[in-house]
N, C-alpha and C. Protein backbone atom coordinates (compact mmCIF):
# COMPACT_ATOMS: atom_id res chain seq x y z
N UNK A 1 15.31 44.44 -59.51
CA UNK A 1 15.71 43.38 -58.12
C UNK A 1 17.10 43.37 -57.71
N UNK A 2 18.05 44.08 -58.13
CA UNK A 2 19.38 44.03 -58.17
C UNK A 2 19.76 45.67 -57.16
N UNK A 3 18.50 46.48 -57.57
CA UNK A 3 19.21 47.71 -57.40
C UNK A 3 18.67 47.51 -55.63
N UNK A 4 18.05 46.88 -55.03
CA UNK A 4 17.77 46.76 -53.69
C UNK A 4 18.70 46.00 -52.55
N UNK A 5 19.91 46.26 -53.39
CA UNK A 5 21.02 45.25 -52.73
C UNK A 5 21.81 45.40 -51.63
N UNK A 6 22.32 46.89 -52.20
CA UNK A 6 22.84 47.86 -51.61
C UNK A 6 24.08 47.81 -51.30
N UNK A 7 25.12 48.02 -50.67
CA UNK A 7 26.37 47.94 -50.35
C UNK A 7 26.77 47.23 -49.62
N UNK A 8 26.28 47.21 -48.08
CA UNK A 8 25.88 45.78 -47.10
C UNK A 8 26.14 44.49 -48.47
N UNK A 9 24.74 44.23 -48.38
CA UNK A 9 24.25 43.49 -49.48
C UNK A 9 25.44 42.72 -49.95
N UNK A 10 26.26 43.69 -51.25
CA UNK A 10 26.84 43.41 -52.12
C UNK A 10 28.14 42.16 -51.15
N UNK A 11 29.06 43.48 -50.34
CA UNK A 11 29.46 42.79 -49.53
C UNK A 11 29.30 41.62 -49.13
N UNK A 12 28.23 41.52 -48.66
CA UNK A 12 28.12 40.44 -48.01
C UNK A 12 28.10 39.10 -48.79
N UNK A 13 27.42 39.12 -49.99
CA UNK A 13 27.10 38.02 -51.10
C UNK A 13 29.27 37.83 -51.85
N UNK A 14 29.79 39.19 -51.64
CA UNK A 14 31.31 38.97 -52.22
C UNK A 14 32.08 37.71 -51.40
N UNK A 15 31.78 38.25 -49.51
CA UNK A 15 32.44 37.20 -48.85
C UNK A 15 31.76 35.86 -48.53
N UNK A 16 30.24 35.65 -49.40
CA UNK A 16 29.86 34.21 -49.08
C UNK A 16 30.35 33.60 -50.15
N UNK A 17 30.77 34.41 -51.25
CA UNK A 17 31.68 33.71 -52.06
C UNK A 17 33.07 33.72 -52.13
N UNK A 18 33.43 34.18 -51.38
CA UNK A 18 34.76 33.85 -51.23
C UNK A 18 34.73 32.71 -50.55
N UNK A 19 34.22 32.84 -49.50
CA UNK A 19 34.16 31.36 -48.75
C UNK A 19 34.09 29.92 -48.63
N UNK A 20 32.79 30.37 -50.14
CA UNK A 20 32.15 28.97 -51.01
C UNK A 20 32.95 28.54 -51.75
N UNK A 21 33.63 29.24 -52.59
CA UNK A 21 34.57 28.97 -53.53
C UNK A 21 35.96 29.16 -53.26
N UNK A 22 36.48 29.87 -52.22
CA UNK A 22 37.56 29.82 -51.99
C UNK A 22 38.08 31.20 -53.10
N UNK A 23 39.64 31.21 -52.69
CA UNK A 23 40.70 32.61 -53.43
C UNK A 23 40.60 32.28 -55.28
N UNK A 24 41.29 30.72 -55.15
CA UNK A 24 41.64 30.51 -56.34
C UNK A 24 40.58 30.36 -57.38
N UNK A 25 39.49 29.54 -56.99
CA UNK A 25 38.27 29.66 -57.51
C UNK A 25 37.36 30.27 -58.20
N UNK A 26 37.40 31.57 -57.51
CA UNK A 26 36.41 32.51 -57.67
C UNK A 26 36.84 32.97 -58.81
N UNK A 27 37.72 33.17 -59.25
CA UNK A 27 38.18 34.07 -60.43
C UNK A 27 37.28 33.12 -61.65
N UNK A 28 37.77 31.88 -62.05
CA UNK A 28 36.97 30.88 -62.74
C UNK A 28 35.93 31.33 -62.85
N UNK A 29 35.28 31.38 -61.56
CA UNK A 29 33.46 31.41 -61.13
C UNK A 29 33.10 32.77 -62.37
N UNK A 30 33.68 33.79 -61.92
CA UNK A 30 33.51 35.19 -62.36
C UNK A 30 33.44 34.82 -64.25
N UNK A 31 34.46 34.35 -64.36
CA UNK A 31 34.60 34.30 -65.84
C UNK A 31 33.70 33.44 -66.72
N UNK A 32 33.28 32.21 -65.81
CA UNK A 32 32.25 31.11 -66.37
C UNK A 32 30.97 32.32 -66.28
N UNK A 33 30.75 32.65 -65.32
CA UNK A 33 29.51 33.74 -65.06
C UNK A 33 29.00 34.53 -66.54
N UNK A 34 30.40 35.51 -66.38
CA UNK A 34 30.64 36.28 -67.43
C UNK A 34 30.05 36.24 -68.77
N UNK A 35 30.89 34.83 -69.42
CA UNK A 35 30.75 34.17 -70.40
C UNK A 35 29.11 33.36 -70.59
N UNK A 36 28.59 33.03 -69.79
CA UNK A 36 27.20 32.59 -69.98
C UNK A 36 26.63 34.21 -70.15
N UNK A 37 26.37 34.93 -69.11
CA UNK A 37 25.97 36.10 -69.38
C UNK A 37 25.72 36.91 -70.74
N UNK A 38 27.01 36.85 -71.34
CA UNK A 38 27.92 36.93 -72.60
C UNK A 38 26.91 36.14 -73.99
N UNK A 39 26.33 34.83 -73.75
CA UNK A 39 26.33 34.23 -74.45
C UNK A 39 24.64 34.49 -74.86
N UNK A 40 23.88 34.87 -73.45
CA UNK A 40 22.63 35.30 -72.81
C UNK A 40 22.10 36.30 -73.68
N UNK A 41 22.81 37.34 -73.28
CA UNK A 41 22.79 38.78 -74.26
C UNK A 41 22.91 38.10 -75.69
N UNK A 42 23.73 37.92 -76.18
CA UNK A 42 23.86 37.02 -77.67
C UNK A 42 22.51 36.58 -78.41
N UNK A 43 22.08 35.73 -77.16
CA UNK A 43 20.88 34.69 -78.02
C UNK A 43 19.50 35.61 -77.86
N UNK A 44 19.84 36.46 -77.12
CA UNK A 44 18.92 37.20 -76.55
C UNK A 44 18.70 38.30 -77.96
N UNK A 45 19.64 39.07 -78.56
CA UNK A 45 19.86 39.73 -79.55
C UNK A 45 19.49 39.14 -80.56
N UNK A 46 19.99 37.89 -80.87
CA UNK A 46 19.46 37.15 -82.41
C UNK A 46 18.12 37.13 -82.33
N UNK A 47 17.57 36.40 -80.86
CA UNK A 47 15.68 35.68 -81.64
C UNK A 47 15.54 37.59 -81.19
N UNK A 48 15.68 38.66 -81.05
CA UNK A 48 14.67 39.58 -81.02
C UNK A 48 14.65 40.32 -82.50
N UNK A 49 16.58 40.10 -83.36
CA UNK A 49 16.31 40.39 -84.55
C UNK A 49 15.72 39.60 -85.49
N UNK A 50 15.80 38.11 -85.03
CA UNK A 50 14.69 37.05 -85.98
C UNK A 50 13.37 37.35 -86.03
N UNK A 51 12.78 37.58 -84.94
CA UNK A 51 11.64 38.71 -84.91
C UNK A 51 11.02 39.58 -85.53
N UNK A 52 12.26 40.55 -85.46
CA UNK A 52 11.83 41.94 -86.26
C UNK A 52 11.92 41.18 -87.39
N UNK A 53 12.85 40.62 -88.55
CA UNK A 53 13.05 40.64 -89.92
C UNK A 53 11.30 39.56 -90.24
N UNK A 54 10.80 39.27 -88.92
CA UNK A 54 9.20 38.35 -89.46
C UNK A 54 8.69 39.50 -89.64
N UNK A 55 8.62 39.90 -88.99
CA UNK A 55 7.32 41.44 -88.76
C UNK A 55 7.76 42.10 -89.92
N UNK A 56 8.84 42.77 -90.60
CA UNK A 56 8.84 43.09 -91.13
C UNK A 56 8.51 42.77 -92.67
N UNK A 57 9.02 41.16 -93.31
CA UNK A 57 8.31 40.69 -93.83
C UNK A 57 6.84 40.10 -94.11
N UNK A 58 5.94 40.58 -92.86
CA UNK A 58 4.72 40.11 -92.91
C UNK A 58 4.30 41.16 -93.77
N UNK A 59 4.88 42.39 -92.94
CA UNK A 59 4.40 43.91 -93.39
C UNK A 59 4.45 44.09 -94.54
N UNK A 60 5.63 43.83 -95.41
CA UNK A 60 6.20 43.40 -96.76
C UNK A 60 4.59 42.55 -97.93
N UNK A 61 4.52 41.74 -97.23
CA UNK A 61 3.37 40.63 -97.59
C UNK A 61 2.00 41.50 -97.35
N UNK A 62 1.34 42.04 -96.52
CA UNK A 62 0.63 42.81 -96.23
C UNK A 62 0.54 43.86 -97.46
N UNK A 63 1.51 44.79 -97.96
CA UNK A 63 1.41 45.92 -98.21
C UNK A 63 1.37 45.44 -99.85
N UNK A 64 2.01 44.48 -99.97
CA UNK A 64 2.08 44.12 -101.58
C UNK A 64 0.57 43.23 -102.11
N UNK A 65 -0.03 42.73 -100.93
CA UNK A 65 -1.40 41.97 -101.28
C UNK A 65 -2.13 43.20 -101.89
N UNK A 66 -2.42 44.71 -100.85
CA UNK A 66 -3.30 46.09 -101.25
C UNK A 66 -3.33 46.36 -102.78
């Protein structure tokens, strides 16, 4: 999705963000966006590891039953 934006589209988005949020608010918005992405990645990683642990436990139970 983001690979189709290109340089002109990215510049347009940045200019619109600057106009909408203003120069003082823009760093705060960027920081909040970064924190949100970081939390999303962490949650995804935790969920993936939980699922993998459950799969490993199920494999061990199947092996023990044989």
